[in-house]
Amino acid sequence: MIPKSGSWFSQTLRPRARANDLEKSLSKFVHSNASERRVLIEILAYCGILQPSGRAGFLQSLASTEHQIRDRPPDHTNDWKYPAIWWRGADGVNREALIRCFPVIAGMI
């Protein structure tokens, strides 16, 4: 089952939701374990599909390794990789990146 983009995000995730919240929410739609969902979320963030506000995904701009390591929120319990570490529910899905990377899926939602 593929979730409907706008309604799924607005009904499922609050604006301040983080990648952990998205991972738990995806368990209802994607038959997988938590580790697999984490990898999926990080791939979508790398592609810019889950693009944090004010930060580019790797398709838009390359970030140096030093930048990736230093550009971290003050929350030390957040172990997501850049840029997924900065994604929030209010950021939603970058539809342009979704269409560019997965046009068939984008046409379904």
N, C-alpha and C. Protein backbone atom coordinates (compact mmCIF):
# COMPACT_ATOMS: atom_id res chain seq x y z
N MET A 1 0.84 -1.18 0.00
CA MET A 1 0.00 0.00 0.00
C MET A 1 0.88 1.24 0.00
N ILE A 2 0.63 2.17 -0.89
CA ILE A 2 1.37 3.42 -0.96
C ILE A 2 0.52 4.51 -0.33
N PRO A 3 1.04 5.18 0.69
CA PRO A 3 0.25 6.22 1.35
C PRO A 3 0.05 7.43 0.44
N LYS A 4 -1.08 8.07 0.56
CA LYS A 4 -1.34 9.31 -0.16
C LYS A 4 -0.51 10.39 0.50
N SER A 5 0.31 11.07 -0.28
CA SER A 5 1.33 11.97 0.26
C SER A 5 0.78 13.04 1.20
N GLY A 6 -0.06 13.94 0.74
CA GLY A 6 -0.51 15.05 1.56
C GLY A 6 -1.31 14.61 2.76
N SER A 7 -2.35 13.80 2.54
CA SER A 7 -3.21 13.41 3.64
C SER A 7 -2.48 12.52 4.64
N TRP A 8 -1.62 11.64 4.16
CA TRP A 8 -0.90 10.75 5.06
C TRP A 8 0.01 11.54 6.00
N PHE A 9 0.77 12.49 5.46
CA PHE A 9 1.65 13.27 6.31
C PHE A 9 0.86 14.13 7.28
N SER A 10 -0.19 14.78 6.81
CA SER A 10 -0.92 15.69 7.69
C SER A 10 -1.70 14.93 8.75
N GLN A 11 -2.18 13.74 8.46
CA GLN A 11 -2.96 12.99 9.44
C GLN A 11 -2.10 12.15 10.37
N THR A 12 -0.91 11.77 9.92
CA THR A 12 -0.10 10.83 10.67
C THR A 12 1.00 11.51 11.48
N LEU A 13 1.63 12.52 10.91
CA LEU A 13 2.78 13.12 11.56
C LEU A 13 2.53 14.57 11.95
N ARG A 14 2.90 14.90 13.15
CA ARG A 14 2.77 16.29 13.60
C ARG A 14 3.92 17.11 12.97
N PRO A 15 3.78 18.42 12.91
CA PRO A 15 4.80 19.25 12.26
C PRO A 15 6.21 19.09 12.84
N ARG A 16 6.32 18.82 14.14
CA ARG A 16 7.63 18.69 14.76
C ARG A 16 8.14 17.24 14.79
N ALA A 17 7.43 16.35 14.09
CA ALA A 17 7.85 14.94 14.04
C ALA A 17 9.26 14.85 13.47
N ARG A 18 9.97 13.84 13.92
CA ARG A 18 11.35 13.61 13.47
C ARG A 18 11.42 12.30 12.70
N ALA A 19 12.61 11.98 12.24
CA ALA A 19 12.81 10.76 11.47
C ALA A 19 12.36 9.52 12.25
N ASN A 20 12.58 9.49 13.56
CA ASN A 20 12.12 8.35 14.37
C ASN A 20 10.61 8.18 14.30
N ASP A 21 9.89 9.30 14.33
CA ASP A 21 8.43 9.24 14.24
C ASP A 21 7.99 8.72 12.88
N LEU A 22 8.69 9.17 11.84
CA LEU A 22 8.38 8.71 10.48
C LEU A 22 8.65 7.21 10.37
N GLU A 23 9.75 6.75 10.93
CA GLU A 23 10.09 5.32 10.88
C GLU A 23 8.98 4.49 11.52
N LYS A 24 8.51 4.90 12.67
CA LYS A 24 7.43 4.16 13.35
C LYS A 24 6.14 4.21 12.55
N SER A 25 5.84 5.36 11.97
CA SER A 25 4.63 5.51 11.18
C SER A 25 4.66 4.66 9.91
N LEU A 26 5.83 4.55 9.30
CA LEU A 26 5.95 3.75 8.08
C LEU A 26 5.70 2.26 8.32
N SER A 27 5.84 1.82 9.56
CA SER A 27 5.65 0.40 9.85
C SER A 27 4.23 -0.07 9.49
N LYS A 28 3.28 0.87 9.44
CA LYS A 28 1.90 0.53 9.09
C LYS A 28 1.73 0.31 7.58
N PHE A 29 2.68 0.86 6.80
CA PHE A 29 2.54 0.83 5.35
C PHE A 29 3.60 0.01 4.63
N VAL A 30 4.77 -0.14 5.25
CA VAL A 30 5.89 -0.82 4.61
C VAL A 30 6.23 -2.05 5.44
N HIS A 31 6.04 -3.24 4.86
CA HIS A 31 6.35 -4.48 5.56
C HIS A 31 7.87 -4.60 5.66
N SER A 32 8.41 -4.29 6.86
CA SER A 32 9.86 -4.27 7.06
C SER A 32 10.14 -4.17 8.55
N ASN A 33 11.42 -4.29 8.88
CA ASN A 33 11.81 -4.07 10.28
C ASN A 33 12.32 -2.64 10.43
N ALA A 34 12.60 -2.23 11.64
CA ALA A 34 13.00 -0.85 11.92
C ALA A 34 14.29 -0.47 11.20
N SER A 35 15.24 -1.38 11.14
CA SER A 35 16.51 -1.09 10.46
C SER A 35 16.29 -0.84 8.98
N GLU A 36 15.44 -1.62 8.36
CA GLU A 36 15.15 -1.43 6.93
C GLU A 36 14.45 -0.10 6.69
N ARG A 37 13.54 0.26 7.56
CA ARG A 37 12.85 1.55 7.41
C ARG A 37 13.81 2.72 7.62
N ARG A 38 14.76 2.57 8.53
CA ARG A 38 15.78 3.62 8.73
C ARG A 38 16.60 3.83 7.46
N VAL A 39 17.01 2.74 6.85
CA VAL A 39 17.79 2.84 5.60
C VAL A 39 16.95 3.53 4.53
N LEU A 40 15.69 3.15 4.41
CA LEU A 40 14.80 3.77 3.43
C LEU A 40 14.69 5.27 3.66
N ILE A 41 14.49 5.68 4.90
CA ILE A 41 14.37 7.11 5.23
C ILE A 41 15.66 7.85 4.91
N GLU A 42 16.80 7.26 5.24
CA GLU A 42 18.07 7.93 4.96
C GLU A 42 18.31 8.04 3.45
N ILE A 43 17.93 7.03 2.69
CA ILE A 43 18.06 7.11 1.22
C ILE A 43 17.17 8.22 0.69
N LEU A 44 15.93 8.29 1.16
CA LEU A 44 15.02 9.34 0.71
C LEU A 44 15.54 10.73 1.08
N ALA A 45 16.20 10.84 2.22
CA ALA A 45 16.79 12.13 2.61
C ALA A 45 18.00 12.45 1.72
N TYR A 46 18.84 11.45 1.43
CA TYR A 46 19.99 11.69 0.55
C TYR A 46 19.52 12.19 -0.82
N CYS A 47 18.42 11.64 -1.30
CA CYS A 47 17.88 12.01 -2.62
C CYS A 47 17.18 13.37 -2.60
N GLY A 48 16.93 13.91 -1.44
CA GLY A 48 16.23 15.18 -1.34
C GLY A 48 14.73 15.04 -1.29
N ILE A 49 14.23 13.81 -1.27
CA ILE A 49 12.79 13.59 -1.18
C ILE A 49 12.29 13.97 0.21
N LEU A 50 13.04 13.60 1.22
CA LEU A 50 12.78 14.07 2.59
C LEU A 50 13.82 15.15 2.85
N GLN A 51 13.54 16.35 2.38
CA GLN A 51 14.50 17.44 2.45
C GLN A 51 14.18 18.37 3.60
N PRO A 52 15.09 18.47 4.57
CA PRO A 52 14.87 19.38 5.68
C PRO A 52 14.84 20.83 5.19
N SER A 53 14.01 21.62 5.78
CA SER A 53 13.91 23.03 5.44
C SER A 53 15.27 23.71 5.65
N GLY A 54 15.73 24.41 4.63
CA GLY A 54 16.98 25.15 4.73
C GLY A 54 18.23 24.33 4.53
N ARG A 55 18.08 23.05 4.21
CA ARG A 55 19.24 22.19 3.97
C ARG A 55 19.03 21.41 2.69
N ALA A 56 20.08 21.31 1.89
CA ALA A 56 19.98 20.62 0.61
C ALA A 56 20.23 19.13 0.78
N GLY A 57 19.56 18.34 -0.06
CA GLY A 57 19.88 16.93 -0.15
C GLY A 57 21.10 16.78 -1.05
N PHE A 58 21.63 15.59 -1.16
CA PHE A 58 22.84 15.39 -1.92
C PHE A 58 22.63 15.52 -3.42
N LEU A 59 21.41 15.44 -3.92
CA LEU A 59 21.17 15.69 -5.34
C LEU A 59 21.27 17.17 -5.65
N GLN A 60 21.02 18.02 -4.68
CA GLN A 60 21.08 19.46 -4.89
C GLN A 60 22.48 20.01 -4.62
N SER A 61 23.16 19.45 -3.65
CA SER A 61 24.45 19.99 -3.24
C SER A 61 25.20 18.93 -2.45
N LEU A 62 26.48 18.85 -2.66
CA LEU A 62 27.28 17.92 -1.88
C LEU A 62 27.75 18.60 -0.61
N ALA A 63 27.64 17.90 0.48
CA ALA A 63 28.13 18.41 1.77
C ALA A 63 29.39 17.65 2.12
N SER A 64 30.39 18.36 2.56
CA SER A 64 31.64 17.70 2.93
C SER A 64 31.42 16.80 4.14
N THR A 65 32.29 15.84 4.31
CA THR A 65 32.20 14.94 5.46
C THR A 65 32.29 15.74 6.75
N GLU A 66 33.18 16.74 6.78
CA GLU A 66 33.32 17.58 7.97
C GLU A 66 32.01 18.30 8.27
N HIS A 67 31.35 18.82 7.23
CA HIS A 67 30.07 19.51 7.41
C HIS A 67 29.01 18.55 7.96
N GLN A 68 28.97 17.33 7.41
CA GLN A 68 27.99 16.34 7.85
C GLN A 68 28.17 16.00 9.32
N ILE A 69 29.40 15.92 9.76
CA ILE A 69 29.70 15.57 11.15
C ILE A 69 29.38 16.73 12.08
N ARG A 70 29.71 17.95 11.68
CA ARG A 70 29.53 19.12 12.55
C ARG A 70 28.11 19.66 12.53
N ASP A 71 27.39 19.48 11.43
CA ASP A 71 26.04 20.04 11.31
C ASP A 71 25.04 19.10 11.95
N ARG A 72 25.01 19.12 13.28
CA ARG A 72 24.13 18.24 14.03
C ARG A 72 23.35 19.05 15.05
N PRO A 73 22.11 18.65 15.30
CA PRO A 73 21.34 19.36 16.32
C PRO A 73 21.91 19.08 17.71
N PRO A 74 21.56 19.92 18.68
CA PRO A 74 22.09 19.73 20.02
C PRO A 74 21.59 18.47 20.72
N ASP A 75 20.55 17.83 20.18
CA ASP A 75 19.99 16.61 20.77
C ASP A 75 20.97 15.45 20.55
N HIS A 76 21.65 15.02 21.58
CA HIS A 76 22.68 13.98 21.45
C HIS A 76 22.10 12.58 21.30
N THR A 77 20.80 12.43 21.47
CA THR A 77 20.19 11.11 21.34
C THR A 77 19.77 10.82 19.89
N ASN A 78 19.89 11.81 19.03
CA ASN A 78 19.50 11.66 17.63
C ASN A 78 20.68 11.09 16.85
N ASP A 79 20.57 9.83 16.41
CA ASP A 79 21.69 9.18 15.73
C ASP A 79 21.46 9.02 14.23
N TRP A 80 20.55 9.79 13.67
CA TRP A 80 20.31 9.74 12.23
C TRP A 80 21.46 10.44 11.51
N LYS A 81 21.68 10.05 10.25
CA LYS A 81 22.71 10.68 9.44
C LYS A 81 22.18 11.94 8.78
N TYR A 82 23.09 12.81 8.38
CA TYR A 82 22.74 14.01 7.65
C TYR A 82 22.26 13.60 6.25
N PRO A 83 21.20 14.15 5.72
CA PRO A 83 20.34 15.23 6.20
C PRO A 83 19.09 14.75 6.94
N ALA A 84 18.89 13.45 7.08
CA ALA A 84 17.68 12.95 7.77
C ALA A 84 17.60 13.43 9.21
N ILE A 85 18.74 13.71 9.82
CA ILE A 85 18.76 14.15 11.21
C ILE A 85 18.00 15.47 11.40
N TRP A 86 17.92 16.28 10.33
CA TRP A 86 17.26 17.59 10.42
C TRP A 86 15.82 17.57 9.93
N TRP A 87 15.35 16.48 9.32
CA TRP A 87 14.01 16.43 8.74
C TRP A 87 12.94 16.50 9.83
N ARG A 88 11.87 17.24 9.56
CA ARG A 88 10.73 17.35 10.47
C ARG A 88 9.45 17.11 9.67
N GLY A 89 8.39 16.74 10.34
CA GLY A 89 7.12 16.47 9.69
C GLY A 89 6.63 17.63 8.85
N ALA A 90 6.87 18.84 9.30
CA ALA A 90 6.45 20.03 8.55
C ALA A 90 7.14 20.12 7.20
N ASP A 91 8.30 19.48 7.05
CA ASP A 91 9.02 19.50 5.77
C ASP A 91 8.33 18.63 4.73
N GLY A 92 7.63 17.60 5.19
CA GLY A 92 6.90 16.73 4.27
C GLY A 92 7.78 16.09 3.22
N VAL A 93 7.22 15.94 2.02
CA VAL A 93 7.91 15.31 0.90
C VAL A 93 8.19 16.37 -0.15
N ASN A 94 9.41 16.38 -0.67
CA ASN A 94 9.78 17.26 -1.77
C ASN A 94 9.29 16.58 -3.05
N ARG A 95 8.16 17.03 -3.55
CA ARG A 95 7.51 16.37 -4.69
C ARG A 95 8.37 16.41 -5.96
N GLU A 96 9.10 17.50 -6.19
CA GLU A 96 9.97 17.59 -7.36
C GLU A 96 11.03 16.50 -7.33
N ALA A 97 11.65 16.29 -6.18
CA ALA A 97 12.66 15.24 -6.05
C ALA A 97 12.03 13.86 -6.20
N LEU A 98 10.82 13.69 -5.67
CA LEU A 98 10.13 12.41 -5.80
C LEU A 98 9.87 12.10 -7.28
N ILE A 99 9.41 13.09 -8.01
CA ILE A 99 9.13 12.90 -9.45
C ILE A 99 10.42 12.59 -10.21
N ARG A 100 11.50 13.28 -9.87
CA ARG A 100 12.77 13.08 -10.56
C ARG A 100 13.34 11.69 -10.28
N CYS A 101 13.27 11.24 -9.04
CA CYS A 101 13.88 9.95 -8.66
C CYS A 101 12.96 8.75 -8.91
N PHE A 102 11.67 8.92 -8.66
CA PHE A 102 10.72 7.82 -8.75
C PHE A 102 9.45 8.26 -9.46
N PRO A 103 9.53 8.52 -10.76
CA PRO A 103 8.37 9.07 -11.46
C PRO A 103 7.14 8.17 -11.43
N VAL A 104 7.33 6.88 -11.48
CA VAL A 104 6.18 5.96 -11.47
C VAL A 104 5.45 6.05 -10.12
N ILE A 105 6.20 6.02 -9.04
CA ILE A 105 5.60 6.12 -7.71
C ILE A 105 4.95 7.47 -7.52
N ALA A 106 5.62 8.53 -7.99
CA ALA A 106 5.06 9.87 -7.87
C ALA A 106 3.71 9.97 -8.58
N GLY A 107 3.59 9.28 -9.70
CA GLY A 107 2.32 9.28 -10.43
C GLY A 107 1.22 8.53 -9.73
N MET A 108 1.57 7.66 -8.78
CA MET A 108 0.59 6.85 -8.07
C MET A 108 0.03 7.56 -6.84
N ILE A 109 0.74 8.56 -6.35
CA ILE A 109 0.29 9.24 -5.12
C ILE A 109 -0.04 10.69 -5.36
